[in-house]
Amino acid sequence: MPRLRAELERELAARQRESDDVGLEMEHLRHSVAGEVDRTWTSAWKSPETVDAKVRARLAGHGGYQSLRVRQRELAELCRTLQDELEKGMTP
């Protein structure tokens, strides 16, 4: 039995909100790591680019951040699937 349009719309909205929340959490972690790197890293080669590279390297090894990245990818795929289902329901 096909899912009702209203049910699909609710599910899509909920997953989009969750994705937004995950994105905010990732941004918060990135900002925290960047602040720590900027405060504690002393180097003659320190520049915005090298700080960014160091932050990206730390986040690559940060289990919580990587879990959030995986969840965000899953949510993006689910949103695409739900959107496709909604669009299929709109065509005759």
C-alpha atoms as a PDB file:
ATOM      1  CA  MET A   1       0.000   0.000   0.000  1.00  0.00           C
ATOM      2  CA  PRO A   2       1.478   3.371  -0.945  1.00  0.00           C
ATOM      3  CA  ARG A   3       2.307   5.742   1.847  1.00  0.00           C
ATOM      4  CA  LEU A   4      -0.007   8.680   2.282  1.00  0.00           C
ATOM      5  CA  ARG A   5       1.276  12.009   1.021  1.00  0.00           C
ATOM      6  CA  ALA A   6       0.811  13.685   4.420  1.00  0.00           C
ATOM      7  CA  GLU A   7       2.794  10.910   6.091  1.00  0.00           C
ATOM      8  CA  LEU A   8       5.633  11.340   3.569  1.00  0.00           C
ATOM      9  CA  GLU A   9       5.642  15.110   4.072  1.00  0.00           C
ATOM     10  CA  ARG A  10       5.802  14.715   7.870  1.00  0.00           C
ATOM     11  CA  GLU A  11       8.614  12.186   7.586  1.00  0.00           C
ATOM     12  CA  LEU A  12      10.547  14.420   5.176  1.00  0.00           C
ATOM     13  CA  ALA A  13      10.147  17.472   7.424  1.00  0.00           C
ATOM     14  CA  ALA A  14      11.279  15.477  10.476  1.00  0.00           C
ATOM     15  CA  ARG A  15      14.373  14.145   8.677  1.00  0.00           C
ATOM     16  CA  GLN A  16      15.227  17.632   7.376  1.00  0.00           C
ATOM     17  CA  ARG A  17      14.998  19.019  10.925  1.00  0.00           C
ATOM     18  CA  GLU A  18      17.202  16.209  12.194  1.00  0.00           C
ATOM     19  CA  SER A  19      19.705  16.902   9.412  1.00  0.00           C
ATOM     20  CA  ASP A  20      19.748  20.593  10.360  1.00  0.00           C
ATOM     21  CA  ASP A  21      20.346  19.640  14.003  1.00  0.00           C
ATOM     22  CA  VAL A  22      23.190  17.304  13.046  1.00  0.00           C
ATOM     23  CA  GLY A  23      24.725  20.064  10.912  1.00  0.00           C
ATOM     24  CA  LEU A  24      24.584  22.489  13.828  1.00  0.00           C
ATOM     25  CA  GLU A  25      26.176  19.933  16.122  1.00  0.00           C
ATOM     26  CA  MET A  26      28.959  19.340  13.579  1.00  0.00           C
ATOM     27  CA  GLU A  27      29.530  23.095  13.264  1.00  0.00           C
ATOM     28  CA  HIS A  28      29.705  23.412  17.053  1.00  0.00           C
ATOM     29  CA  LEU A  29      32.326  20.631  17.238  1.00  0.00           C
ATOM     30  CA  ARG A  30      34.318  22.195  14.404  1.00  0.00           C
ATOM     31  CA  HIS A  31      34.212  25.586  16.109  1.00  0.00           C
ATOM     32  CA  SER A  32      35.336  24.054  19.430  1.00  0.00           C
ATOM     33  CA  VAL A  33      38.245  22.217  17.808  1.00  0.00           C
ATOM     34  CA  ALA A  34      39.243  25.332  15.854  1.00  0.00           C
ATOM     35  CA  GLY A  35      39.271  27.416  19.038  1.00  0.00           C
ATOM     36  CA  GLU A  36      41.408  24.848  20.816  1.00  0.00           C
ATOM     37  CA  VAL A  37      43.864  24.623  17.908  1.00  0.00           C
ATOM     38  CA  ASP A  38      44.110  28.395  17.627  1.00  0.00           C
ATOM     39  CA  ARG A  39      44.742  28.791  21.377  1.00  0.00           C
ATOM     40  CA  THR A  40      47.209  25.970  21.877  1.00  0.00           C
ATOM     41  CA  TRP A  41      49.136  25.626  18.637  1.00  0.00           C
ATOM     42  CA  THR A  42      52.222  27.768  18.415  1.00  0.00           C
ATOM     43  CA  SER A  43      54.166  27.563  15.195  1.00  0.00           C
ATOM     44  CA  ALA A  44      56.166  29.851  12.962  1.00  0.00           C
ATOM     45  CA  TRP A  45      54.054  28.506  10.073  1.00  0.00           C
ATOM     46  CA  LYS A  46      50.728  29.252  11.712  1.00  0.00           C
ATOM     47  CA  SER A  47      48.296  30.836   9.268  1.00  0.00           C
ATOM     48  CA  PRO A  48      44.538  30.549   8.674  1.00  0.00           C
ATOM     49  CA  GLU A  49      45.241  27.850   6.081  1.00  0.00           C
ATOM     50  CA  THR A  50      47.486  25.773   8.339  1.00  0.00           C
ATOM     51  CA  VAL A  51      45.049  26.118  11.254  1.00  0.00           C
ATOM     52  CA  ASP A  52      42.235  24.938   8.974  1.00  0.00           C
ATOM     53  CA  ALA A  53      44.326  21.965   7.846  1.00  0.00           C
ATOM     54  CA  LYS A  54      45.072  21.045  11.457  1.00  0.00           C
ATOM     55  CA  VAL A  55      41.390  21.364  12.399  1.00  0.00           C
ATOM     56  CA  ARG A  56      40.376  19.109   9.484  1.00  0.00           C
ATOM     57  CA  ALA A  57      43.010  16.569  10.531  1.00  0.00           C
ATOM     58  CA  ARG A  58      41.731  16.546  14.126  1.00  0.00           C
ATOM     59  CA  LEU A  59      38.132  16.188  13.002  1.00  0.00           C
ATOM     60  CA  ALA A  60      39.112  13.269  10.757  1.00  0.00           C
ATOM     61  CA  GLY A  61      40.146  11.397  13.898  1.00  0.00           C
ATOM     62  CA  HIS A  62      37.262  12.628  16.061  1.00  0.00           C
ATOM     63  CA  GLY A  63      34.874   9.687  16.518  1.00  0.00           C
ATOM     64  CA  GLY A  64      31.875  11.819  17.447  1.00  0.00           C
ATOM     65  CA  TYR A  65      32.323  14.121  14.464  1.00  0.00           C
ATOM     66  CA  GLN A  66      32.715  11.196  12.086  1.00  0.00           C
ATOM     67  CA  SER A  67      29.547   9.572  13.466  1.00  0.00           C
ATOM     68  CA  LEU A  68      27.686  12.808  12.821  1.00  0.00           C
ATOM     69  CA  ARG A  69      29.028  12.928   9.240  1.00  0.00           C
ATOM     70  CA  VAL A  70      27.779   9.391   8.622  1.00  0.00           C
ATOM     71  CA  ARG A  71      24.363  10.241  10.078  1.00  0.00           C
ATOM     72  CA  GLN A  72      24.136  13.385   7.961  1.00  0.00           C
ATOM     73  CA  ARG A  73      24.878  11.380   4.799  1.00  0.00           C
ATOM     74  CA  GLU A  74      22.220   8.823   5.793  1.00  0.00           C
ATOM     75  CA  LEU A  75      19.694  11.606   6.379  1.00  0.00           C
ATOM     76  CA  ALA A  76      20.512  13.249   3.047  1.00  0.00           C
ATOM     77  CA  GLU A  77      19.909   9.958   1.239  1.00  0.00           C
ATOM     78  CA  LEU A  78      16.668   9.372   3.143  1.00  0.00           C
ATOM     79  CA  CYS A  79      15.471  12.892   2.294  1.00  0.00           C
ATOM     80  CA  ARG A  80      16.227  12.300  -1.398  1.00  0.00           C
ATOM     81  CA  THR A  81      14.295   9.024  -1.282  1.00  0.00           C
ATOM     82  CA  LEU A  82      11.313  10.625   0.455  1.00  0.00           C
ATOM     83  CA  GLN A  83      11.347  13.525  -2.006  1.00  0.00           C
ATOM     84  CA  ASP A  84      11.386  11.057  -4.910  1.00  0.00           C
ATOM     85  CA  GLU A  85       8.417   9.210  -3.402  1.00  0.00           C
ATOM     86  CA  LEU A  86       6.531  12.498  -3.062  1.00  0.00           C
ATOM     87  CA  GLU A  87       7.292  13.462  -6.656  1.00  0.00           C
ATOM     88  CA  LYS A  88       6.188  10.042  -7.942  1.00  0.00           C
ATOM     89  CA  GLY A  89       2.891  10.516  -6.164  1.00  0.00           C
ATOM     90  CA  MET A  90       2.339  13.835  -7.938  1.00  0.00           C
ATOM     91  CA  THR A  91       2.709  12.434 -11.465  1.00  0.00           C
ATOM     92  CA  PRO A  92      -0.273  10.688 -13.049  1.00  0.00           C
END
